[in-house]
Amino acid sequence: PDLTGHEKFGLGNVKYNISRIHVTAVELPSASISLLPGSGIKLVIGNASLTIDMNWNIRTWMFKDSGRGTVHISKVFVTAIFSTPLDNTGPTSISLTSCQTTSGDVDIKLNGKT
């Protein structure tokens, strides 16, 4: 979905819109899944990266600008625990019981015109 909003900076508001958001690359060089006896599943992802392309535009009382942008997020680490209740009363369900995520580097490149 598009991201639209406004922020107050100094003497005025900055209105922004980020649209046409597309994930163009995902790398998962280290991922593992293990069973936790009696409780569920543990997912560990290490040193992952993600690249996103988008259109952007901003507008203030003084100027407006728009263009294309790329965001590259790297050194992403995720640890998630999923619980899997073991009752035989219906379909199997999975729920997220904990999740920890960290990212190391975020590189943002904006190309625009005035």
PDB file of N, CA and C in Angstrom:
ATOM      1  N   PRO A   1       0.825  -1.202   0.000  1.00  0.00           N
ATOM      2  CA  PRO A   1       0.000   0.000   0.000  1.00  0.00           C
ATOM      3  C   PRO A   1       0.866   1.262   0.000  1.00  0.00           C
ATOM      4  N   ASP A   2       0.307   2.338  -0.503  1.00  0.00           N
ATOM      5  CA  ASP A   2       0.998   3.623  -0.493  1.00  0.00           C
ATOM      6  C   ASP A   2       1.098   4.164   0.932  1.00  0.00           C
ATOM      7  N   LEU A   3       2.113   4.986   1.166  1.00  0.00           N
ATOM      8  CA  LEU A   3       2.293   5.656   2.451  1.00  0.00           C
ATOM      9  C   LEU A   3       2.079   7.144   2.228  1.00  0.00           C
ATOM     10  N   THR A   4       1.117   7.728   2.904  1.00  0.00           N
ATOM     11  CA  THR A   4       0.801   9.139   2.763  1.00  0.00           C
ATOM     12  C   THR A   4       0.673   9.743   4.142  1.00  0.00           C
ATOM     13  N   GLY A   5       1.165  10.970   4.297  1.00  0.00           N
ATOM     14  CA  GLY A   5       1.040  11.624   5.587  1.00  0.00           C
ATOM     15  C   GLY A   5       1.646  13.007   5.570  1.00  0.00           C
ATOM     16  N   HIS A   6       1.784  13.554   6.753  1.00  0.00           N
ATOM     17  CA  HIS A   6       2.420  14.861   6.892  1.00  0.00           C
ATOM     18  C   HIS A   6       3.157  14.922   8.226  1.00  0.00           C
ATOM     19  N   GLU A   7       4.202  15.722   8.242  1.00  0.00           N
ATOM     20  CA  GLU A   7       5.011  15.937   9.435  1.00  0.00           C
ATOM     21  C   GLU A   7       5.204  17.429   9.610  1.00  0.00           C
ATOM     22  N   LYS A   8       5.260  17.873  10.838  1.00  0.00           N
ATOM     23  CA  LYS A   8       5.487  19.290  11.116  1.00  0.00           C
ATOM     24  C   LYS A   8       6.979  19.507  11.364  1.00  0.00           C
ATOM     25  N   PHE A   9       7.570  20.397  10.566  1.00  0.00           N
ATOM     26  CA  PHE A   9       8.973  20.768  10.705  1.00  0.00           C
ATOM     27  C   PHE A   9       9.065  22.278  10.786  1.00  0.00           C
ATOM     28  N   GLY A  10       9.650  22.785  11.844  1.00  0.00           N
ATOM     29  CA  GLY A  10       9.861  24.230  11.952  1.00  0.00           C
ATOM     30  C   GLY A  10       8.573  25.016  11.814  1.00  0.00           C
ATOM     31  N   LEU A  11       8.484  25.820  10.754  1.00  0.00           N
ATOM     32  CA  LEU A  11       7.342  26.713  10.566  1.00  0.00           C
ATOM     33  C   LEU A  11       6.233  26.147   9.690  1.00  0.00           C
ATOM     34  N   GLY A  12       6.377  24.922   9.219  1.00  0.00           N
ATOM     35  CA  GLY A  12       5.342  24.414   8.319  1.00  0.00           C
ATOM     36  C   GLY A  12       5.238  22.911   8.312  1.00  0.00           C
ATOM     37  N   ASN A  13       4.289  22.467   7.524  1.00  0.00           N
ATOM     38  CA  ASN A  13       4.059  21.027   7.366  1.00  0.00           C
ATOM     39  C   ASN A  13       4.701  20.527   6.076  1.00  0.00           C
ATOM     40  N   VAL A  14       5.166  19.304   6.121  1.00  0.00           N
ATOM     41  CA  VAL A  14       5.664  18.622   4.933  1.00  0.00           C
ATOM     42  C   VAL A  14       4.694  17.482   4.649  1.00  0.00           C
ATOM     43  N   LYS A  15       4.052  17.534   3.484  1.00  0.00           N
ATOM     44  CA  LYS A  15       3.167  16.456   3.067  1.00  0.00           C
ATOM     45  C   LYS A  15       3.972  15.525   2.177  1.00  0.00           C
ATOM     46  N   TYR A  16       3.797  14.212   2.380  1.00  0.00           N
ATOM     47  CA  TYR A  16       4.556  13.249   1.590  1.00  0.00           C
ATOM     48  C   TYR A  16       3.663  12.120   1.101  1.00  0.00           C
ATOM     49  N   ASN A  17       4.092  11.507   0.015  1.00  0.00           N
ATOM     50  CA  ASN A  17       3.423  10.328  -0.521  1.00  0.00           C
ATOM     51  C   ASN A  17       4.499   9.409  -1.085  1.00  0.00           C
ATOM     52  N   ILE A  18       4.477   8.162  -0.672  1.00  0.00           N
ATOM     53  CA  ILE A  18       5.367   7.135  -1.205  1.00  0.00           C
ATOM     54  C   ILE A  18       4.461   6.094  -1.853  1.00  0.00           C
ATOM     55  N   SER A  19       4.646   5.886  -3.159  1.00  0.00           N
ATOM     56  CA  SER A  19       3.740   5.011  -3.895  1.00  0.00           C
ATOM     57  C   SER A  19       4.527   4.041  -4.778  1.00  0.00           C
ATOM     58  N   ARG A  20       3.781   3.107  -5.367  1.00  0.00           N
ATOM     59  CA  ARG A  20       4.367   2.091  -6.246  1.00  0.00           C
ATOM     60  C   ARG A  20       5.551   1.392  -5.579  1.00  0.00           C
ATOM     61  N   ILE A  21       5.346   0.975  -4.358  1.00  0.00           N
ATOM     62  CA  ILE A  21       6.377   0.312  -3.568  1.00  0.00           C
ATOM     63  C   ILE A  21       6.511  -1.136  -4.057  1.00  0.00           C
ATOM     64  N   HIS A  22       7.726  -1.495  -4.465  1.00  0.00           N
ATOM     65  CA  HIS A  22       7.986  -2.850  -4.965  1.00  0.00           C
ATOM     66  C   HIS A  22       9.243  -3.410  -4.318  1.00  0.00           C
ATOM     67  N   VAL A  23       9.131  -4.603  -3.768  1.00  0.00           N
ATOM     68  CA  VAL A  23      10.307  -5.318  -3.280  1.00  0.00           C
ATOM     69  C   VAL A  23      10.982  -5.932  -4.503  1.00  0.00           C
ATOM     70  N   THR A  24      12.225  -5.514  -4.772  1.00  0.00           N
ATOM     71  CA  THR A  24      12.909  -5.982  -5.978  1.00  0.00           C
ATOM     72  C   THR A  24      13.955  -7.051  -5.695  1.00  0.00           C
ATOM     73  N   ALA A  25      14.372  -7.203  -4.444  1.00  0.00           N
ATOM     74  CA  ALA A  25      15.357  -8.240  -4.114  1.00  0.00           C
ATOM     75  C   ALA A  25      15.247  -8.607  -2.638  1.00  0.00           C
ATOM     76  N   VAL A  26      15.371  -9.892  -2.360  1.00  0.00           N
ATOM     77  CA  VAL A  26      15.437 -10.412  -0.995  1.00  0.00           C
ATOM     78  C   VAL A  26      16.533 -11.460  -0.971  1.00  0.00           C
ATOM     79  N   GLU A  27      17.450 -11.350  -0.035  1.00  0.00           N
ATOM     80  CA  GLU A  27      18.515 -12.356   0.120  1.00  0.00           C
ATOM     81  C   GLU A  27      18.475 -12.905   1.529  1.00  0.00           C
ATOM     82  N   LEU A  28      18.442 -14.221   1.631  1.00  0.00           N
ATOM     83  CA  LEU A  28      18.434 -14.915   2.918  1.00  0.00           C
ATOM     84  C   LEU A  28      19.611 -15.890   2.941  1.00  0.00           C
ATOM     85  N   PRO A  29      20.826 -15.381   3.132  1.00  0.00           N
ATOM     86  CA  PRO A  29      21.990 -16.270   3.061  1.00  0.00           C
ATOM     87  C   PRO A  29      22.081 -17.272   4.203  1.00  0.00           C
ATOM     88  N   SER A  30      21.427 -16.978   5.312  1.00  0.00           N
ATOM     89  CA  SER A  30      21.493 -17.885   6.454  1.00  0.00           C
ATOM     90  C   SER A  30      20.111 -17.954   7.099  1.00  0.00           C
ATOM     91  N   ALA A  31      19.448 -19.088   6.947  1.00  0.00           N
ATOM     92  CA  ALA A  31      18.134 -19.276   7.552  1.00  0.00           C
ATOM     93  C   ALA A  31      18.020 -20.702   8.064  1.00  0.00           C
ATOM     94  N   SER A  32      17.376 -20.838   9.223  1.00  0.00           N
ATOM     95  CA  SER A  32      17.177 -22.180   9.761  1.00  0.00           C
ATOM     96  C   SER A  32      15.844 -22.258  10.498  1.00  0.00           C
ATOM     97  N   ILE A  33      15.285 -23.452  10.499  1.00  0.00           N
ATOM     98  CA  ILE A  33      14.054 -23.737  11.232  1.00  0.00           C
ATOM     99  C   ILE A  33      14.332 -24.937  12.125  1.00  0.00           C
ATOM    100  N   SER A  34      13.926 -24.812  13.385  1.00  0.00           N
ATOM    101  CA  SER A  34      14.103 -25.943  14.297  1.00  0.00           C
ATOM    102  C   SER A  34      12.838 -26.140  15.122  1.00  0.00           C
ATOM    103  N   LEU A  35      12.617 -27.368  15.541  1.00  0.00           N
ATOM    104  CA  LEU A  35      11.473 -27.694  16.383  1.00  0.00           C
ATOM    105  C   LEU A  35      11.825 -27.473  17.842  1.00  0.00           C
ATOM    106  N   LEU A  36      10.910 -26.885  18.567  1.00  0.00           N
ATOM    107  CA  LEU A  36      11.046 -26.723  20.008  1.00  0.00           C
ATOM    108  C   LEU A  36      10.099 -27.727  20.642  1.00  0.00           C
ATOM    109  N   PRO A  37      10.618 -28.805  21.205  1.00  0.00           N
ATOM    110  CA  PRO A  37       9.769 -29.886  21.712  1.00  0.00           C
ATOM    111  C   PRO A  37       8.679 -29.381  22.658  1.00  0.00           C
ATOM    112  N   GLY A  38       7.454 -29.741  22.327  1.00  0.00           N
ATOM    113  CA  GLY A  38       6.321 -29.409  23.179  1.00  0.00           C
ATOM    114  C   GLY A  38       5.830 -27.985  23.056  1.00  0.00           C
ATOM    115  N   SER A  39       6.499 -27.141  22.267  1.00  0.00           N
ATOM    116  CA  SER A  39       6.042 -25.755  22.234  1.00  0.00           C
ATOM    117  C   SER A  39       5.875 -25.167  20.845  1.00  0.00           C
ATOM    118  N   GLY A  40       6.733 -25.529  19.888  1.00  0.00           N
ATOM    119  CA  GLY A  40       6.538 -24.919  18.588  1.00  0.00           C
ATOM    120  C   GLY A  40       7.747 -24.976  17.678  1.00  0.00           C
ATOM    121  N   ILE A  41       7.922 -23.887  16.934  1.00  0.00           N
ATOM    122  CA  ILE A  41       8.942 -23.799  15.901  1.00  0.00           C
ATOM    123  C   ILE A  41       9.741 -22.519  16.086  1.00  0.00           C
ATOM    124  N   LYS A  42      11.056 -22.618  15.874  1.00  0.00           N
ATOM    125  CA  LYS A  42      11.928 -21.451  15.957  1.00  0.00           C
ATOM    126  C   LYS A  42      12.511 -21.185  14.567  1.00  0.00           C
ATOM    127  N   LEU A  43      12.355 -19.953  14.093  1.00  0.00           N
ATOM    128  CA  LEU A  43      12.889 -19.530  12.808  1.00  0.00           C
ATOM    129  C   LEU A  43      13.989 -18.509  13.077  1.00  0.00           C
ATOM    130  N   VAL A  44      15.172 -18.742  12.491  1.00  0.00           N
ATOM    131  CA  VAL A  44      16.297 -17.810  12.641  1.00  0.00           C
ATOM    132  C   VAL A  44      16.785 -17.439  11.238  1.00  0.00           C
ATOM    133  N   ILE A  45      16.813 -16.135  10.971  1.00  0.00           N
ATOM    134  CA  ILE A  45      17.328 -15.617   9.701  1.00  0.00           C
ATOM    135  C   ILE A  45      18.483 -14.692  10.034  1.00  0.00           C
ATOM    136  N   GLY A  46      19.636 -14.921   9.390  1.00  0.00           N
ATOM    137  CA  GLY A  46      20.815 -14.113   9.676  1.00  0.00           C
ATOM    138  C   GLY A  46      21.368 -13.436   8.444  1.00  0.00           C
ATOM    139  N   ASN A  47      21.804 -12.203   8.622  1.00  0.00           N
ATOM    140  CA  ASN A  47      22.489 -11.426   7.585  1.00  0.00           C
ATOM    141  C   ASN A  47      21.673 -11.313   6.296  1.00  0.00           C
ATOM    142  N   ALA A  48      20.378 -11.097   6.436  1.00  0.00           N
ATOM    143  CA  ALA A  48      19.500 -10.955   5.276  1.00  0.00           C
ATOM    144  C   ALA A  48      19.560  -9.528   4.740  1.00  0.00           C
ATOM    145  N   SER A  49      19.061  -9.355   3.509  1.00  0.00           N
ATOM    146  CA  SER A  49      18.977  -8.006   2.937  1.00  0.00           C
ATOM    147  C   SER A  49      17.721  -7.896   2.091  1.00  0.00           C
ATOM    148  N   LEU A  50      17.294  -6.649   1.872  1.00  0.00           N
ATOM    149  CA  LEU A  50      16.058  -6.353   1.181  1.00  0.00           C
ATOM    150  C   LEU A  50      16.244  -5.071   0.391  1.00  0.00           C
ATOM    151  N   THR A  51      15.782  -5.046  -0.859  1.00  0.00           N
ATOM    152  CA  THR A  51      15.831  -3.837  -1.675  1.00  0.00           C
ATOM    153  C   THR A  51      14.411  -3.490  -2.121  1.00  0.00           C
ATOM    154  N   ILE A  52      14.062  -2.205  -1.982  1.00  0.00           N
ATOM    155  CA  ILE A  52      12.724  -1.717  -2.305  1.00  0.00           C
ATOM    156  C   ILE A  52      12.853  -0.515  -3.238  1.00  0.00           C
ATOM    157  N   ASP A  53      12.091  -0.514  -4.341  1.00  0.00           N
ATOM    158  CA  ASP A  53      11.997   0.649  -5.234  1.00  0.00           C
ATOM    159  C   ASP A  53      10.650   1.320  -5.019  1.00  0.00           C
ATOM    160  N   MET A  54      10.586   2.644  -5.258  1.00  0.00           N
ATOM    161  CA  MET A  54       9.348   3.371  -5.000  1.00  0.00           C
ATOM    162  C   MET A  54       9.344   4.712  -5.730  1.00  0.00           C
ATOM    163  N   ASN A  55       8.169   5.293  -5.854  1.00  0.00           N
ATOM    164  CA  ASN A  55       8.011   6.687  -6.250  1.00  0.00           C
ATOM    165  C   ASN A  55       7.793   7.496  -4.982  1.00  0.00           C
ATOM    166  N   TRP A  56       8.220   8.745  -4.981  1.00  0.00           N
ATOM    167  CA  TRP A  56       8.011   9.599  -3.815  1.00  0.00           C
ATOM    168  C   TRP A  56       7.692  11.016  -4.272  1.00  0.00           C
ATOM    169  N   ASN A  57       6.961  11.742  -3.444  1.00  0.00           N
ATOM    170  CA  ASN A  57       6.798  13.174  -3.652  1.00  0.00           C
ATOM    171  C   ASN A  57       6.560  13.855  -2.317  1.00  0.00           C
ATOM    172  N   ILE A  58       7.048  15.078  -2.222  1.00  0.00           N
ATOM    173  CA  ILE A  58       6.848  15.889  -1.024  1.00  0.00           C
ATOM    174  C   ILE A  58       6.356  17.264  -1.459  1.00  0.00           C
ATOM    175  N   ARG A  59       5.646  17.919  -0.549  1.00  0.00           N
ATOM    176  CA  ARG A  59       5.124  19.251  -0.818  1.00  0.00           C
ATOM    177  C   ARG A  59       5.152  20.057   0.479  1.00  0.00           C
ATOM    178  N   THR A  60       5.695  21.253   0.406  1.00  0.00           N
ATOM    179  CA  THR A  60       5.680  22.185   1.526  1.00  0.00           C
ATOM    180  C   THR A  60       5.067  23.487   1.021  1.00  0.00           C
ATOM    181  N   TRP A  61       4.944  24.466   1.886  1.00  0.00           N
ATOM    182  CA  TRP A  61       4.417  25.761   1.467  1.00  0.00           C
ATOM    183  C   TRP A  61       5.392  26.474   0.536  1.00  0.00           C
ATOM    184  N   MET A  62       6.661  26.030   0.525  1.00  0.00           N
ATOM    185  CA  MET A  62       7.684  26.723  -0.240  1.00  0.00           C
ATOM    186  C   MET A  62       8.076  25.992  -1.533  1.00  0.00           C
ATOM    187  N   PHE A  63       8.011  24.669  -1.567  1.00  0.00           N
ATOM    188  CA  PHE A  63       8.413  23.932  -2.764  1.00  0.00           C
ATOM    189  C   PHE A  63       7.749  22.566  -2.795  1.00  0.00           C
ATOM    190  N   LYS A  64       7.863  21.928  -3.965  1.00  0.00           N
ATOM    191  CA  LYS A  64       7.428  20.538  -4.105  1.00  0.00           C
ATOM    192  C   LYS A  64       8.476  19.822  -4.937  1.00  0.00           C
ATOM    193  N   ASP A  65       8.596  18.512  -4.721  1.00  0.00           N
ATOM    194  CA  ASP A  65       9.570  17.710  -5.444  1.00  0.00           C
ATOM    195  C   ASP A  65       9.049  16.284  -5.512  1.00  0.00           C
ATOM    196  N   SER A  66       9.515  15.526  -6.508  1.00  0.00           N
ATOM    197  CA  SER A  66       9.102  14.137  -6.657  1.00  0.00           C
ATOM    198  C   SER A  66      10.177  13.381  -7.415  1.00  0.00           C
ATOM    199  N   GLY A  67      10.078  12.072  -7.400  1.00  0.00           N
ATOM    200  CA  GLY A  67      11.050  11.262  -8.124  1.00  0.00           C
ATOM    201  C   GLY A  67      10.919   9.795  -7.788  1.00  0.00           C
ATOM    202  N   ARG A  68      11.993   9.054  -8.044  1.00  0.00           N
ATOM    203  CA  ARG A  68      12.086   7.632  -7.741  1.00  0.00           C
ATOM    204  C   ARG A  68      13.083   7.440  -6.617  1.00  0.00           C
ATOM    205  N   GLY A  69      12.951   6.359  -5.880  1.00  0.00           N
ATOM    206  CA  GLY A  69      13.890   6.072  -4.809  1.00  0.00           C
ATOM    207  C   GLY A  69      14.121   4.580  -4.641  1.00  0.00           C
ATOM    208  N   THR A  70      15.246   4.279  -4.019  1.00  0.00           N
ATOM    209  CA  THR A  70      15.602   2.902  -3.690  1.00  0.00           C
ATOM    210  C   THR A  70      16.046   2.855  -2.240  1.00  0.00           C
ATOM    211  N   VAL A  71      15.550   1.871  -1.511  1.00  0.00           N
ATOM    212  CA  VAL A  71      15.969   1.637  -0.127  1.00  0.00           C
ATOM    213  C   VAL A  71      16.585   0.245  -0.067  1.00  0.00           C
ATOM    214  N   HIS A  72      17.805   0.161   0.456  1.00  0.00           N
ATOM    215  CA  HIS A  72      18.471  -1.131   0.630  1.00  0.00           C
ATOM    216  C   HIS A  72      18.738  -1.310   2.124  1.00  0.00           C
ATOM    217  N   ILE A  73      18.169  -2.361   2.690  1.00  0.00           N
ATOM    218  CA  ILE A  73      18.343  -2.673   4.116  1.00  0.00           C
ATOM    219  C   ILE A  73      19.178  -3.946   4.190  1.00  0.00           C
ATOM    220  N   SER A  74      20.282  -3.887   4.944  1.00  0.00           N
ATOM    221  CA  SER A  74      21.158  -5.055   5.043  1.00  0.00           C
ATOM    222  C   SER A  74      21.493  -5.354   6.492  1.00  0.00           C
ATOM    223  N   LYS A  75      22.140  -6.491   6.681  1.00  0.00           N
ATOM    224  CA  LYS A  75      22.502  -6.987   8.015  1.00  0.00           C
ATOM    225  C   LYS A  75      21.250  -7.136   8.894  1.00  0.00           C
ATOM    226  N   VAL A  76      20.222  -7.753   8.315  1.00  0.00           N
ATOM    227  CA  VAL A  76      18.964  -7.976   9.022  1.00  0.00           C
ATOM    228  C   VAL A  76      19.019  -9.341   9.700  1.00  0.00           C
ATOM    229  N   PHE A  77      18.659  -9.357  10.979  1.00  0.00           N
ATOM    230  CA  PHE A  77      18.626 -10.590  11.760  1.00  0.00           C
ATOM    231  C   PHE A  77      17.241 -10.727  12.382  1.00  0.00           C
ATOM    232  N   VAL A  78      16.643 -11.904  12.241  1.00  0.00           N
ATOM    233  CA  VAL A  78      15.295 -12.158  12.756  1.00  0.00           C
ATOM    234  C   VAL A  78      15.306 -13.465  13.525  1.00  0.00           C
ATOM    235  N   THR A  79      14.711 -13.453  14.710  1.00  0.00           N
ATOM    236  CA  THR A  79      14.450 -14.682  15.461  1.00  0.00           C
ATOM    237  C   THR A  79      12.968 -14.670  15.818  1.00  0.00           C
ATOM    238  N   ALA A  80      12.244 -15.684  15.388  1.00  0.00           N
ATOM    239  CA  ALA A  80      10.807 -15.760  15.652  1.00  0.00           C
ATOM    240  C   ALA A  80      10.464 -17.122  16.235  1.00  0.00           C
ATOM    241  N   ILE A  81       9.553 -17.119  17.195  1.00  0.00           N
ATOM    242  CA  ILE A  81       9.057 -18.343  17.821  1.00  0.00           C
ATOM    243  C   ILE A  81       7.566 -18.447  17.504  1.00  0.00           C
ATOM    244  N   PHE A  82       7.178 -19.577  16.935  1.00  0.00           N
ATOM    245  CA  PHE A  82       5.774 -19.846  16.619  1.00  0.00           C
ATOM    246  C   PHE A  82       5.286 -20.971  17.517  1.00  0.00           C
ATOM    247  N   SER A  83       4.092 -20.800  18.096  1.00  0.00           N
ATOM    248  CA  SER A  83       3.524 -21.888  18.897  1.00  0.00           C
ATOM    249  C   SER A  83       2.551 -22.676  18.031  1.00  0.00           C
ATOM    250  N   THR A  84       2.540 -23.964  18.284  1.00  0.00           N
ATOM    251  CA  THR A  84       1.667 -24.871  17.544  1.00  0.00           C
ATOM    252  C   THR A  84       0.931 -25.755  18.549  1.00  0.00           C
ATOM    253  N   PRO A  85      -0.252 -25.322  18.988  1.00  0.00           N
ATOM    254  CA  PRO A  85      -1.006 -26.139  19.949  1.00  0.00           C
ATOM    255  C   PRO A  85      -1.270 -27.526  19.374  1.00  0.00           C
ATOM    256  N   LEU A  86      -1.088 -28.531  20.210  1.00  0.00           N
ATOM    257  CA  LEU A  86      -1.230 -29.918  19.762  1.00  0.00           C
ATOM    258  C   LEU A  86      -2.522 -30.535  20.285  1.00  0.00           C
ATOM    259  N   ASP A  87      -3.654 -29.912  19.949  1.00  0.00           N
ATOM    260  CA  ASP A  87      -4.919 -30.553  20.288  1.00  0.00           C
ATOM    261  C   ASP A  87      -5.529 -31.084  18.991  1.00  0.00           C
ATOM    262  N   ASN A  88      -6.310 -32.092  19.110  1.00  0.00           N
ATOM    263  CA  ASN A  88      -6.908 -32.729  17.936  1.00  0.00           C
ATOM    264  C   ASN A  88      -8.352 -32.293  17.730  1.00  0.00           C
ATOM    265  N   THR A  89      -8.682 -31.080  18.137  1.00  0.00           N
ATOM    266  CA  THR A  89     -10.075 -30.628  18.065  1.00  0.00           C
ATOM    267  C   THR A  89     -10.401 -29.893  16.773  1.00  0.00           C
ATOM    268  N   GLY A  90      -9.455 -29.636  15.937  1.00  0.00           N
ATOM    269  CA  GLY A  90      -9.749 -28.911  14.704  1.00  0.00           C
ATOM    270  C   GLY A  90      -8.494 -28.748  13.869  1.00  0.00           C
ATOM    271  N   PRO A  91      -8.529 -27.825  12.919  1.00  0.00           N
ATOM    272  CA  PRO A  91      -7.355 -27.625  12.074  1.00  0.00           C
ATOM    273  C   PRO A  91      -6.162 -27.108  12.884  1.00  0.00           C
ATOM    274  N   THR A  92      -4.977 -27.442  12.415  1.00  0.00           N
ATOM    275  CA  THR A  92      -3.766 -27.000  13.086  1.00  0.00           C
ATOM    276  C   THR A  92      -3.648 -25.483  12.965  1.00  0.00           C
ATOM    277  N   SER A  93      -3.276 -24.840  14.046  1.00  0.00           N
ATOM    278  CA  SER A  93      -3.093 -23.390  14.020  1.00  0.00           C
ATOM    279  C   SER A  93      -1.667 -23.062  14.440  1.00  0.00           C
ATOM    280  N   ILE A  94      -1.181 -21.951  13.929  1.00  0.00           N
ATOM    281  CA  ILE A  94       0.151 -21.476  14.270  1.00  0.00           C
ATOM    282  C   ILE A  94       0.022 -20.013  14.658  1.00  0.00           C
ATOM    283  N   SER A  95       0.633 -19.637  15.781  1.00  0.00           N
ATOM    284  CA  SER A  95       0.607 -18.229  16.172  1.00  0.00           C
ATOM    285  C   SER A  95       2.012 -17.776  16.555  1.00  0.00           C
ATOM    286  N   LEU A  96       2.304 -16.536  16.255  1.00  0.00           N
ATOM    287  CA  LEU A  96       3.602 -15.942  16.572  1.00  0.00           C
ATOM    288  C   LEU A  96       3.608 -15.564  18.045  1.00  0.00           C
ATOM    289  N   THR A  97       4.558 -16.132  18.812  1.00  0.00           N
ATOM    290  CA  THR A  97       4.611 -15.831  20.237  1.00  0.00           C
ATOM    291  C   THR A  97       5.721 -14.852  20.594  1.00  0.00           C
ATOM    292  N   SER A  98       6.778 -14.784  19.779  1.00  0.00           N
ATOM    293  CA  SER A  98       7.811 -13.767  20.000  1.00  0.00           C
ATOM    294  C   SER A  98       8.571 -13.533  18.706  1.00  0.00           C
ATOM    295  N   CYS A  99       9.060 -12.316  18.561  1.00  0.00           N
ATOM    296  CA  CYS A  99       9.815 -11.971  17.361  1.00  0.00           C
ATOM    297  C   CYS A  99      10.801 -10.866  17.715  1.00  0.00           C
ATOM    298  N   GLN A 100      12.044 -11.054  17.337  1.00  0.00           N
ATOM    299  CA  GLN A 100      13.079 -10.049  17.561  1.00  0.00           C
ATOM    300  C   GLN A 100      13.774  -9.791  16.227  1.00  0.00           C
ATOM    301  N   THR A 101      13.853  -8.524  15.840  1.00  0.00           N
ATOM    302  CA  THR A 101      14.455  -8.142  14.568  1.00  0.00           C
ATOM    303  C   THR A 101      15.424  -6.996  14.776  1.00  0.00           C
ATOM    304  N   THR A 102      16.585  -7.074  14.134  1.00  0.00           N
ATOM    305  CA  THR A 102      17.526  -5.957  14.120  1.00  0.00           C
ATOM    306  C   THR A 102      18.019  -5.769  12.696  1.00  0.00           C
ATOM    307  N   SER A 103      18.359  -4.529  12.363  1.00  0.00           N
ATOM    308  CA  SER A 103      18.952  -4.262  11.054  1.00  0.00           C
ATOM    309  C   SER A 103      20.178  -3.392  11.255  1.00  0.00           C
ATOM    310  N   GLY A 104      21.175  -3.620  10.432  1.00  0.00           N
ATOM    311  CA  GLY A 104      22.440  -2.920  10.602  1.00  0.00           C
ATOM    312  C   GLY A 104      22.573  -1.674   9.764  1.00  0.00           C
ATOM    313  N   ASP A 105      22.294  -1.778   8.454  1.00  0.00           N
ATOM    314  CA  ASP A 105      22.510  -0.660   7.550  1.00  0.00           C
ATOM    315  C   ASP A 105      21.261  -0.388   6.732  1.00  0.00           C
ATOM    316  N   VAL A 106      20.963   0.905   6.548  1.00  0.00           N
ATOM    317  CA  VAL A 106      19.883   1.337   5.676  1.00  0.00           C
ATOM    318  C   VAL A 106      20.462   2.379   4.734  1.00  0.00           C
ATOM    319  N   ASP A 107      20.391   2.110   3.433  1.00  0.00           N
ATOM    320  CA  ASP A 107      20.899   3.019   2.407  1.00  0.00           C
ATOM    321  C   ASP A 107      19.717   3.512   1.591  1.00  0.00           C
ATOM    322  N   ILE A 108      19.494   4.835   1.569  1.00  0.00           N
ATOM    323  CA  ILE A 108      18.375   5.430   0.852  1.00  0.00           C
ATOM    324  C   ILE A 108      18.918   6.316  -0.252  1.00  0.00           C
ATOM    325  N   LYS A 109      18.457   6.067  -1.472  1.00  0.00           N
ATOM    326  CA  LYS A 109      18.850   6.902  -2.612  1.00  0.00           C
ATOM    327  C   LYS A 109      17.598   7.478  -3.228  1.00  0.00           C
ATOM    328  N   LEU A 110      17.534   8.809  -3.309  1.00  0.00           N
ATOM    329  CA  LEU A 110      16.396   9.496  -3.905  1.00  0.00           C
ATOM    330  C   LEU A 110      16.860  10.226  -5.161  1.00  0.00           C
ATOM    331  N   ASN A 111      16.199   9.999  -6.258  1.00  0.00           N
ATOM    332  CA  ASN A 111      16.445  10.719  -7.501  1.00  0.00           C
ATOM    333  C   ASN A 111      15.205  11.551  -7.762  1.00  0.00           C
ATOM    334  N   GLY A 112      15.383  12.831  -8.016  1.00  0.00           N
ATOM    335  CA  GLY A 112      14.204  13.669  -8.193  1.00  0.00           C
ATOM    336  C   GLY A 112      14.410  14.788  -9.163  1.00  0.00           C
ATOM    337  N   LYS A 113      13.337  15.547  -9.290  1.00  0.00           N
ATOM    338  CA  LYS A 113      13.355  16.738 -10.113  1.00  0.00           C
ATOM    339  C   LYS A 113      12.609  17.820  -9.361  1.00  0.00           C
ATOM    340  N   THR A 114      12.898  19.089  -9.653  1.00  0.00           N
ATOM    341  CA  THR A 114      12.196  20.189  -8.976  1.00  0.00           C
ATOM    342  C   THR A 114      11.233  20.861  -9.902  1.00  0.00           C
TER     343      THR A 114
END
